[in-house]
């Protein structure tokens, strides 16, 4: 296979699991797998959200931690509104939801996704201006999250990773202040 022919090479930077309760899941992931510490962001503020092309609220919380070189997100939705979460999981279910990747140009990546037979399920922007998209691609069976590695996003990833270095397992869940 000629790797230079790939127009959307992906390298995972995060794996995300839907969980009913990120607080409980963070404690269990720390205890069972040594992942963490986790930082909880409740009711993640979004300035825009399109789900399957329609404007919609997306009320969710996530705990972010580290598993070696890979960030782990534990995500839950607070209601049963149609969404990229509810499309895959009931509120009491758990499982792999998405794998996140940085791309140099999000708009170009989304054009590529569509040209490869994939679909854009959600296109959203956080309150602090980070645009991200959840896409489905043939073959994989889970969502892919795509976003550009903006300075703020890279700083966030670096913070979570730095806090995991030499972490002694104490206080597995912390809240952003």
N, C-alpha and C. Protein backbone atom coordinates (compact mmCIF):
# COMPACT_ATOMS: atom_id res chain seq x y z
N UNK A 1 0.84 -1.18 0.00
CA UNK A 1 0.00 0.00 0.00
C UNK A 1 0.88 1.24 0.00
N UNK A 2 0.61 2.16 -0.85
CA UNK A 2 1.36 3.40 -0.95
C UNK A 2 0.78 4.40 0.04
N UNK A 3 1.47 4.58 1.19
CA UNK A 3 0.97 5.48 2.23
C UNK A 3 0.93 6.93 1.75
N UNK A 4 1.71 7.30 0.77
CA UNK A 4 1.67 8.67 0.29
C UNK A 4 0.37 8.96 -0.45
N UNK A 5 -0.36 7.91 -0.85
CA UNK A 5 -1.62 8.11 -1.56
C UNK A 5 -2.76 8.44 -0.59
N UNK A 6 -2.56 8.24 0.71
CA UNK A 6 -3.61 8.54 1.67
C UNK A 6 -3.81 10.05 1.76
N UNK A 7 -5.04 10.49 1.59
CA UNK A 7 -5.29 11.92 1.67
C UNK A 7 -5.82 12.33 3.04
N UNK A 8 -6.12 11.37 3.90
CA UNK A 8 -6.56 11.69 5.26
C UNK A 8 -5.91 10.70 6.23
N UNK A 9 -4.59 10.76 6.38
CA UNK A 9 -3.96 9.85 7.34
C UNK A 9 -4.38 10.22 8.76
N UNK A 10 -4.77 9.23 9.53
CA UNK A 10 -5.27 9.49 10.88
C UNK A 10 -4.34 8.87 11.91
N UNK A 11 -4.10 9.61 12.98
CA UNK A 11 -3.33 9.13 14.11
C UNK A 11 -4.12 9.49 15.36
N UNK A 12 -4.55 8.50 16.09
CA UNK A 12 -5.42 8.73 17.25
C UNK A 12 -4.71 9.55 18.33
N UNK A 13 -5.43 10.54 18.86
CA UNK A 13 -4.94 11.33 19.98
C UNK A 13 -5.83 11.13 21.22
N UNK A 14 -7.00 10.52 21.01
CA UNK A 14 -7.93 10.32 22.12
C UNK A 14 -8.87 9.17 21.79
N UNK A 15 -9.24 8.42 22.83
CA UNK A 15 -10.28 7.41 22.71
C UNK A 15 -11.36 7.78 23.72
N UNK A 16 -12.62 7.71 23.29
CA UNK A 16 -13.72 8.15 24.15
C UNK A 16 -14.73 7.04 24.35
N UNK A 17 -15.15 6.91 25.58
CA UNK A 17 -16.14 5.91 25.96
C UNK A 17 -17.39 6.61 26.48
N UNK A 18 -18.56 6.15 26.01
CA UNK A 18 -19.79 6.63 26.63
C UNK A 18 -19.94 5.88 27.93
N UNK A 19 -20.26 6.60 29.00
CA UNK A 19 -20.50 6.02 30.32
C UNK A 19 -21.71 6.70 30.93
N UNK A 20 -22.49 6.00 31.76
CA UNK A 20 -23.62 6.65 32.41
C UNK A 20 -23.20 7.73 33.41
N UNK A 21 -22.03 7.55 34.04
CA UNK A 21 -21.60 8.46 35.10
C UNK A 21 -20.08 8.63 35.02
N UNK A 22 -19.61 9.76 34.49
CA UNK A 22 -18.16 9.97 34.37
C UNK A 22 -17.41 9.98 35.70
N UNK A 23 -18.05 10.42 36.77
CA UNK A 23 -17.40 10.44 38.08
C UNK A 23 -17.07 9.03 38.51
N UNK A 24 -18.06 8.15 38.46
CA UNK A 24 -17.86 6.75 38.83
C UNK A 24 -16.87 6.07 37.86
N UNK A 25 -17.04 6.31 36.57
CA UNK A 25 -16.18 5.67 35.57
C UNK A 25 -14.72 6.11 35.74
N UNK A 26 -14.49 7.37 36.07
CA UNK A 26 -13.12 7.84 36.26
C UNK A 26 -12.46 7.11 37.43
N UNK A 27 -13.19 6.96 38.53
CA UNK A 27 -12.64 6.25 39.69
C UNK A 27 -12.34 4.79 39.33
N UNK A 28 -13.24 4.15 38.59
CA UNK A 28 -13.03 2.76 38.20
C UNK A 28 -11.88 2.60 37.21
N UNK A 29 -11.77 3.50 36.24
CA UNK A 29 -10.66 3.43 35.27
C UNK A 29 -9.32 3.65 35.95
N UNK A 30 -9.29 4.54 36.93
CA UNK A 30 -8.06 4.76 37.68
C UNK A 30 -7.70 3.51 38.48
N UNK A 31 -8.67 2.93 39.15
CA UNK A 31 -8.43 1.75 39.99
C UNK A 31 -8.07 0.52 39.17
N UNK A 32 -8.82 0.27 38.10
CA UNK A 32 -8.63 -0.95 37.31
C UNK A 32 -7.47 -0.88 36.34
N UNK A 33 -7.28 0.30 35.72
CA UNK A 33 -6.33 0.39 34.61
C UNK A 33 -5.17 1.35 34.86
N UNK A 34 -5.22 2.12 35.93
CA UNK A 34 -4.17 3.09 36.21
C UNK A 34 -4.26 4.34 35.36
N UNK A 35 -5.41 4.58 34.72
CA UNK A 35 -5.59 5.77 33.90
C UNK A 35 -5.90 6.96 34.79
N UNK A 36 -5.40 8.12 34.39
CA UNK A 36 -5.77 9.32 35.13
C UNK A 36 -4.58 10.21 35.39
N UNK A 37 -4.81 11.21 36.25
CA UNK A 37 -6.09 11.56 36.84
C UNK A 37 -7.04 12.13 35.78
N UNK A 38 -8.31 12.12 36.10
CA UNK A 38 -9.34 12.64 35.20
C UNK A 38 -9.78 14.03 35.66
N UNK A 39 -10.08 14.87 34.70
CA UNK A 39 -10.57 16.23 34.96
C UNK A 39 -11.96 16.35 34.36
N UNK A 40 -12.92 16.68 35.21
CA UNK A 40 -14.33 16.73 34.81
C UNK A 40 -14.71 18.11 34.31
N UNK A 41 -15.30 18.14 33.14
CA UNK A 41 -15.89 19.36 32.59
C UNK A 41 -17.38 19.09 32.45
N UNK A 42 -18.17 19.76 33.28
CA UNK A 42 -19.61 19.52 33.32
C UNK A 42 -20.36 20.46 32.40
N UNK A 43 -21.37 19.92 31.74
CA UNK A 43 -22.22 20.70 30.84
C UNK A 43 -21.35 21.54 29.90
N UNK A 44 -20.58 20.84 29.07
CA UNK A 44 -19.63 21.48 28.17
C UNK A 44 -20.34 22.54 27.34
N UNK A 45 -19.91 23.80 27.44
CA UNK A 45 -20.59 24.86 26.70
C UNK A 45 -20.23 24.85 25.21
N UNK A 46 -21.26 24.88 24.38
CA UNK A 46 -21.08 24.94 22.93
C UNK A 46 -21.71 26.23 22.41
N UNK A 47 -21.08 26.81 21.40
CA UNK A 47 -21.68 27.99 20.77
C UNK A 47 -22.51 27.60 19.56
N UNK A 48 -22.29 26.41 19.04
CA UNK A 48 -23.07 25.91 17.90
C UNK A 48 -23.01 24.39 17.87
N UNK A 49 -24.08 23.77 17.39
CA UNK A 49 -24.09 22.32 17.24
C UNK A 49 -25.11 21.93 16.17
N UNK A 50 -24.63 21.24 15.15
CA UNK A 50 -25.49 20.65 14.13
C UNK A 50 -25.41 19.13 14.27
N UNK A 51 -26.56 18.51 14.44
CA UNK A 51 -26.64 17.05 14.47
C UNK A 51 -27.41 16.63 13.23
N UNK A 52 -26.74 15.89 12.36
CA UNK A 52 -27.32 15.47 11.08
C UNK A 52 -27.94 16.65 10.34
N UNK A 53 -27.22 17.79 10.39
CA UNK A 53 -27.60 18.97 9.64
C UNK A 53 -28.60 19.89 10.31
N UNK A 54 -29.11 19.52 11.48
CA UNK A 54 -30.10 20.35 12.17
C UNK A 54 -29.51 20.93 13.45
N UNK A 55 -29.79 22.22 13.70
CA UNK A 55 -29.34 22.84 14.94
C UNK A 55 -29.99 22.14 16.12
N UNK A 56 -29.17 21.87 17.13
CA UNK A 56 -29.68 21.17 18.30
C UNK A 56 -28.80 21.46 19.51
N UNK A 57 -29.38 21.48 20.70
CA UNK A 57 -28.52 21.57 21.89
C UNK A 57 -27.85 20.21 22.12
N UNK A 58 -26.72 20.20 22.77
CA UNK A 58 -26.02 18.97 23.10
C UNK A 58 -25.45 19.13 24.50
N UNK A 59 -26.24 18.73 25.49
CA UNK A 59 -25.88 18.89 26.90
C UNK A 59 -25.14 17.64 27.36
N UNK A 60 -23.83 17.80 27.50
CA UNK A 60 -23.01 16.65 27.88
C UNK A 60 -21.90 17.07 28.83
N UNK A 61 -21.37 16.09 29.52
CA UNK A 61 -20.21 16.29 30.39
C UNK A 61 -19.18 15.24 30.05
N UNK A 62 -17.91 15.58 30.29
CA UNK A 62 -16.82 14.66 29.99
C UNK A 62 -15.76 14.76 31.06
N UNK A 63 -15.15 13.61 31.36
CA UNK A 63 -13.96 13.56 32.21
C UNK A 63 -12.81 13.15 31.30
N UNK A 64 -11.71 13.90 31.39
CA UNK A 64 -10.56 13.69 30.52
C UNK A 64 -9.37 13.24 31.36
N UNK A 65 -8.77 12.13 30.95
CA UNK A 65 -7.60 11.61 31.65
C UNK A 65 -6.60 11.09 30.64
N UNK A 66 -5.60 10.39 31.12
CA UNK A 66 -4.53 9.93 30.25
C UNK A 66 -4.29 8.45 30.47
N UNK A 67 -4.05 7.73 29.37
CA UNK A 67 -3.65 6.32 29.40
C UNK A 67 -2.38 6.23 28.56
N UNK A 68 -1.23 6.38 29.19
CA UNK A 68 0.01 6.42 28.44
C UNK A 68 0.05 7.66 27.56
N UNK A 69 0.26 7.47 26.26
CA UNK A 69 0.32 8.60 25.33
C UNK A 69 -1.05 9.01 24.79
N UNK A 70 -2.09 8.32 25.18
CA UNK A 70 -3.42 8.54 24.61
C UNK A 70 -4.35 9.16 25.65
N UNK A 71 -5.03 10.25 25.26
CA UNK A 71 -6.05 10.82 26.14
C UNK A 71 -7.27 9.91 26.14
N UNK A 72 -7.92 9.81 27.29
CA UNK A 72 -9.17 9.07 27.42
C UNK A 72 -10.26 10.06 27.83
N UNK A 73 -11.39 10.00 27.12
CA UNK A 73 -12.54 10.82 27.46
C UNK A 73 -13.66 9.89 27.91
N UNK A 74 -14.29 10.24 29.03
CA UNK A 74 -15.46 9.52 29.53
C UNK A 74 -16.63 10.49 29.39
N UNK A 75 -17.53 10.20 28.47
CA UNK A 75 -18.56 11.18 28.08
C UNK A 75 -19.95 10.66 28.41
N UNK A 76 -20.82 11.56 28.81
CA UNK A 76 -22.23 11.24 29.03
C UNK A 76 -23.08 12.40 28.56
N UNK A 77 -24.31 12.09 28.19
CA UNK A 77 -25.29 13.11 27.80
C UNK A 77 -26.33 13.19 28.89
N UNK A 78 -26.78 14.41 29.21
CA UNK A 78 -27.68 14.61 30.34
C UNK A 78 -29.16 14.46 30.01
N UNK A 79 -29.50 14.26 28.76
CA UNK A 79 -30.90 14.10 28.39
C UNK A 79 -30.99 13.06 27.28
N UNK A 80 -32.18 12.84 26.79
CA UNK A 80 -32.38 11.85 25.72
C UNK A 80 -32.67 12.50 24.37
N UNK A 81 -32.27 13.76 24.20
CA UNK A 81 -32.47 14.43 22.92
C UNK A 81 -31.67 13.70 21.83
N UNK A 82 -32.17 13.70 20.60
CA UNK A 82 -31.41 13.06 19.52
C UNK A 82 -30.01 13.67 19.42
N UNK A 83 -29.00 12.80 19.31
CA UNK A 83 -27.62 13.27 19.28
C UNK A 83 -26.69 12.17 18.80
N UNK A 84 -25.45 12.54 18.63
CA UNK A 84 -24.41 11.58 18.27
C UNK A 84 -24.18 10.57 19.41
N UNK A 85 -24.54 10.92 20.62
CA UNK A 85 -24.44 9.99 21.75
C UNK A 85 -25.63 9.04 21.75
N UNK A 86 -26.85 9.61 21.75
CA UNK A 86 -28.05 8.77 21.83
C UNK A 86 -28.24 7.89 20.61
N UNK A 87 -27.68 8.27 19.50
CA UNK A 87 -27.73 7.44 18.30
C UNK A 87 -27.00 6.11 18.54
N UNK A 88 -26.02 6.13 19.42
CA UNK A 88 -25.19 4.95 19.65
C UNK A 88 -25.49 4.25 20.98
N UNK A 89 -25.86 5.01 22.01
CA UNK A 89 -25.99 4.44 23.36
C UNK A 89 -27.20 4.97 24.10
N UNK A 90 -27.86 4.09 24.83
CA UNK A 90 -28.88 4.48 25.80
C UNK A 90 -28.16 5.10 26.99
N UNK A 91 -28.88 5.84 27.80
CA UNK A 91 -28.24 6.57 28.91
C UNK A 91 -27.55 5.65 29.91
N UNK A 92 -28.00 4.40 30.04
CA UNK A 92 -27.41 3.49 31.03
C UNK A 92 -26.37 2.54 30.43
N UNK A 93 -26.02 2.71 29.17
CA UNK A 93 -25.07 1.81 28.50
C UNK A 93 -23.66 2.41 28.50
N UNK A 94 -22.69 1.53 28.31
CA UNK A 94 -21.29 1.94 28.21
C UNK A 94 -20.64 1.32 26.99
N UNK A 95 -19.65 1.99 26.43
CA UNK A 95 -18.90 1.41 25.33
C UNK A 95 -18.11 2.44 24.56
N UNK A 96 -17.30 1.95 23.63
CA UNK A 96 -16.49 2.82 22.79
C UNK A 96 -17.40 3.72 21.96
N UNK A 97 -17.18 5.02 22.04
CA UNK A 97 -17.99 5.95 21.26
C UNK A 97 -17.23 6.51 20.07
N UNK A 98 -16.05 7.07 20.31
CA UNK A 98 -15.29 7.63 19.20
C UNK A 98 -13.79 7.62 19.47
N UNK A 99 -13.05 7.77 18.41
CA UNK A 99 -11.60 7.96 18.47
C UNK A 99 -11.33 9.30 17.81
N UNK A 100 -10.57 10.17 18.50
CA UNK A 100 -10.33 11.52 18.01
C UNK A 100 -8.97 11.62 17.31
N UNK A 101 -8.94 12.50 16.31
CA UNK A 101 -7.74 12.72 15.51
C UNK A 101 -7.60 14.20 15.20
N UNK A 102 -6.36 14.70 15.23
CA UNK A 102 -6.09 16.04 14.74
C UNK A 102 -5.97 15.99 13.22
N UNK A 103 -6.50 17.00 12.56
CA UNK A 103 -6.33 17.14 11.11
C UNK A 103 -5.87 18.57 10.83
N UNK A 104 -5.07 18.78 9.79
CA UNK A 104 -4.56 20.13 9.53
C UNK A 104 -5.63 21.11 9.05
N UNK A 105 -6.69 20.58 8.40
CA UNK A 105 -7.74 21.44 7.84
C UNK A 105 -9.06 20.70 7.98
N UNK A 106 -9.89 21.11 8.93
CA UNK A 106 -11.12 20.39 9.22
C UNK A 106 -12.08 20.40 8.03
N UNK A 107 -12.25 21.52 7.38
CA UNK A 107 -13.16 21.58 6.24
C UNK A 107 -12.73 20.63 5.13
N UNK A 108 -11.43 20.60 4.83
CA UNK A 108 -10.92 19.68 3.81
C UNK A 108 -11.11 18.23 4.24
N UNK A 109 -10.90 17.95 5.52
CA UNK A 109 -11.09 16.58 6.02
C UNK A 109 -12.54 16.13 5.88
N UNK A 110 -13.48 17.04 6.16
CA UNK A 110 -14.90 16.68 6.04
C UNK A 110 -15.28 16.45 4.58
N UNK A 111 -14.72 17.22 3.68
CA UNK A 111 -14.94 16.99 2.25
C UNK A 111 -14.42 15.61 1.87
N UNK A 112 -13.27 15.25 2.40
CA UNK A 112 -12.69 13.93 2.13
C UNK A 112 -13.57 12.81 2.69
N UNK A 113 -14.07 12.99 3.90
CA UNK A 113 -14.94 11.99 4.53
C UNK A 113 -16.13 11.70 3.61
N UNK A 114 -16.77 12.73 3.12
CA UNK A 114 -17.94 12.56 2.25
C UNK A 114 -17.54 11.89 0.94
N UNK A 115 -16.39 12.26 0.38
CA UNK A 115 -15.94 11.65 -0.88
C UNK A 115 -15.61 10.17 -0.72
N UNK A 116 -15.30 9.75 0.52
CA UNK A 116 -14.98 8.34 0.80
C UNK A 116 -16.20 7.54 1.23
N UNK A 117 -17.38 8.15 1.15
CA UNK A 117 -18.61 7.43 1.51
C UNK A 117 -19.00 7.56 2.96
N UNK A 118 -18.30 8.42 3.70
CA UNK A 118 -18.64 8.65 5.10
C UNK A 118 -19.69 9.73 5.24
N UNK A 119 -20.06 10.01 6.48
CA UNK A 119 -21.04 11.06 6.72
C UNK A 119 -20.63 11.88 7.93
N UNK A 120 -21.01 13.15 7.90
CA UNK A 120 -20.78 14.05 9.02
C UNK A 120 -22.03 13.96 9.90
N UNK A 121 -21.86 13.42 11.09
CA UNK A 121 -22.99 13.23 12.00
C UNK A 121 -23.21 14.47 12.85
N UNK A 122 -22.12 15.06 13.32
CA UNK A 122 -22.22 16.26 14.14
C UNK A 122 -21.09 17.22 13.77
N UNK A 123 -21.42 18.50 13.73
CA UNK A 123 -20.44 19.56 13.49
C UNK A 123 -20.73 20.62 14.55
N UNK A 124 -19.78 20.85 15.45
CA UNK A 124 -20.04 21.73 16.59
C UNK A 124 -18.84 22.61 16.88
N UNK A 125 -19.08 23.63 17.67
CA UNK A 125 -18.04 24.54 18.09
C UNK A 125 -18.20 24.80 19.59
N UNK A 126 -17.10 24.68 20.32
CA UNK A 126 -17.15 24.96 21.75
C UNK A 126 -17.28 26.46 21.97
N UNK A 127 -17.65 26.83 23.19
CA UNK A 127 -17.82 28.24 23.52
C UNK A 127 -16.52 29.02 23.35
N UNK A 128 -15.38 28.34 23.48
CA UNK A 128 -14.11 29.04 23.29
C UNK A 128 -13.56 28.91 21.88
N UNK A 129 -14.39 28.46 20.94
CA UNK A 129 -14.04 28.54 19.52
C UNK A 129 -13.41 27.32 18.88
N UNK A 130 -13.38 26.18 19.55
CA UNK A 130 -12.81 24.97 18.95
C UNK A 130 -13.90 24.24 18.17
N UNK A 131 -13.74 24.17 16.85
CA UNK A 131 -14.69 23.45 16.01
C UNK A 131 -14.27 21.98 15.94
N UNK A 132 -15.25 21.09 16.05
CA UNK A 132 -14.98 19.66 15.94
C UNK A 132 -16.13 18.99 15.22
N UNK A 133 -15.86 17.83 14.68
CA UNK A 133 -16.90 17.09 13.97
C UNK A 133 -16.81 15.61 14.32
N UNK A 134 -17.97 14.99 14.39
CA UNK A 134 -18.06 13.54 14.55
C UNK A 134 -18.50 12.98 13.21
N UNK A 135 -17.75 12.01 12.72
CA UNK A 135 -18.05 11.44 11.41
C UNK A 135 -18.14 9.92 11.52
N UNK A 136 -18.85 9.35 10.58
CA UNK A 136 -18.90 7.90 10.41
C UNK A 136 -18.21 7.57 9.10
N UNK A 137 -17.36 6.56 9.16
CA UNK A 137 -16.67 6.09 7.97
C UNK A 137 -17.00 4.62 7.77
N UNK A 138 -17.05 4.18 6.52
CA UNK A 138 -17.25 2.75 6.30
C UNK A 138 -16.13 1.96 6.98
N UNK A 139 -16.45 0.79 7.46
CA UNK A 139 -15.49 -0.17 7.98
C UNK A 139 -15.28 -0.13 9.48
N UNK A 140 -15.23 1.03 10.12
CA UNK A 140 -14.74 1.10 11.49
C UNK A 140 -15.77 0.76 12.57
N UNK A 141 -17.03 1.11 12.40
CA UNK A 141 -18.03 0.75 13.39
C UNK A 141 -18.13 1.66 14.59
N UNK A 142 -17.40 2.75 14.60
CA UNK A 142 -17.52 3.75 15.65
C UNK A 142 -17.32 5.11 15.01
N UNK A 143 -17.63 6.16 15.77
CA UNK A 143 -17.44 7.50 15.26
C UNK A 143 -15.97 7.88 15.28
N UNK A 144 -15.62 8.82 14.43
CA UNK A 144 -14.31 9.45 14.44
C UNK A 144 -14.56 10.93 14.73
N UNK A 145 -13.82 11.48 15.66
CA UNK A 145 -13.89 12.91 15.95
C UNK A 145 -12.69 13.57 15.30
N UNK A 146 -12.94 14.65 14.61
CA UNK A 146 -11.88 15.38 13.92
C UNK A 146 -11.85 16.82 14.40
N UNK A 147 -10.65 17.34 14.61
CA UNK A 147 -10.48 18.76 14.90
C UNK A 147 -9.06 19.18 14.59
N UNK A 148 -8.92 20.49 14.42
CA UNK A 148 -7.61 21.06 14.14
C UNK A 148 -6.86 21.27 15.45
N UNK A 149 -5.55 21.05 15.47
CA UNK A 149 -4.78 21.22 16.71
C UNK A 149 -4.47 22.68 17.00
N UNK A 150 -5.50 23.43 17.39
CA UNK A 150 -5.32 24.85 17.72
C UNK A 150 -4.42 24.97 18.95
N UNK A 151 -3.84 26.14 19.17
CA UNK A 151 -2.99 26.32 20.36
C UNK A 151 -3.73 26.00 21.66
N UNK A 152 -5.00 26.43 21.79
CA UNK A 152 -5.75 26.13 23.02
C UNK A 152 -5.98 24.64 23.19
N UNK A 153 -6.30 23.96 22.12
CA UNK A 153 -6.55 22.52 22.20
C UNK A 153 -5.26 21.77 22.52
N UNK A 154 -4.17 22.14 21.90
CA UNK A 154 -2.88 21.50 22.19
C UNK A 154 -2.47 21.76 23.64
N UNK A 155 -2.75 22.96 24.14
CA UNK A 155 -2.45 23.28 25.53
C UNK A 155 -3.27 22.38 26.47
N UNK A 156 -4.55 22.19 26.13
CA UNK A 156 -5.42 21.31 26.93
C UNK A 156 -4.88 19.88 26.95
N UNK A 157 -4.55 19.34 25.79
CA UNK A 157 -3.99 17.99 25.71
C UNK A 157 -2.70 17.89 26.52
N UNK A 158 -1.85 18.91 26.39
CA UNK A 158 -0.58 18.93 27.13
C UNK A 158 -0.79 18.97 28.63
N UNK A 159 -1.79 19.73 29.08
CA UNK A 159 -2.09 19.83 30.51
C UNK A 159 -2.49 18.46 31.07
N UNK A 160 -3.41 17.79 30.38
CA UNK A 160 -3.88 16.48 30.85
C UNK A 160 -2.72 15.50 30.89
N UNK A 161 -1.90 15.50 29.85
CA UNK A 161 -0.77 14.57 29.81
C UNK A 161 0.24 14.89 30.92
N UNK A 162 0.54 16.17 31.11
CA UNK A 162 1.50 16.57 32.13
C UNK A 162 1.04 16.12 33.52
N UNK A 163 -0.24 16.26 33.80
CA UNK A 163 -0.77 15.89 35.11
C UNK A 163 -0.69 14.38 35.37
N UNK A 164 -0.59 13.60 34.30
CA UNK A 164 -0.51 12.14 34.46
C UNK A 164 0.90 11.65 34.76
N UNK A 165 1.89 12.48 34.47
CA UNK A 165 3.28 12.07 34.68
C UNK A 165 3.54 11.97 36.19
N UNK A 166 4.01 10.82 36.60
CA UNK A 166 4.30 10.55 38.02
C UNK A 166 3.07 10.64 38.92
N UNK A 167 1.87 10.54 38.34
CA UNK A 167 0.66 10.55 39.15
C UNK A 167 0.66 9.33 40.06
N UNK A 168 0.35 9.52 41.32
CA UNK A 168 0.43 8.43 42.31
C UNK A 168 -0.90 7.73 42.55
N UNK A 169 -1.92 8.05 41.78
CA UNK A 169 -3.23 7.41 41.94
C UNK A 169 -4.16 8.14 42.88
N UNK A 170 -3.65 9.15 43.57
CA UNK A 170 -4.49 9.90 44.51
C UNK A 170 -5.42 10.83 43.74
N UNK A 171 -6.58 11.05 44.30
CA UNK A 171 -7.58 11.95 43.72
C UNK A 171 -7.77 11.70 42.24
N UNK A 172 -8.39 10.56 41.90
CA UNK A 172 -8.53 10.17 40.48
C UNK A 172 -9.44 11.09 39.67
N UNK A 173 -10.32 11.84 40.34
CA UNK A 173 -11.20 12.77 39.61
C UNK A 173 -11.03 14.16 40.22
N UNK A 174 -10.79 15.10 39.34
CA UNK A 174 -10.65 16.50 39.74
C UNK A 174 -11.61 17.32 38.89
N UNK A 175 -12.03 18.43 39.38
CA UNK A 175 -12.96 19.29 38.65
C UNK A 175 -12.20 20.50 38.14
N UNK A 176 -12.52 20.88 36.90
CA UNK A 176 -11.94 22.12 36.37
C UNK A 176 -12.53 23.28 37.16
N UNK A 177 -11.69 24.23 37.45
CA UNK A 177 -12.15 25.39 38.21
C UNK A 177 -12.26 26.58 37.31
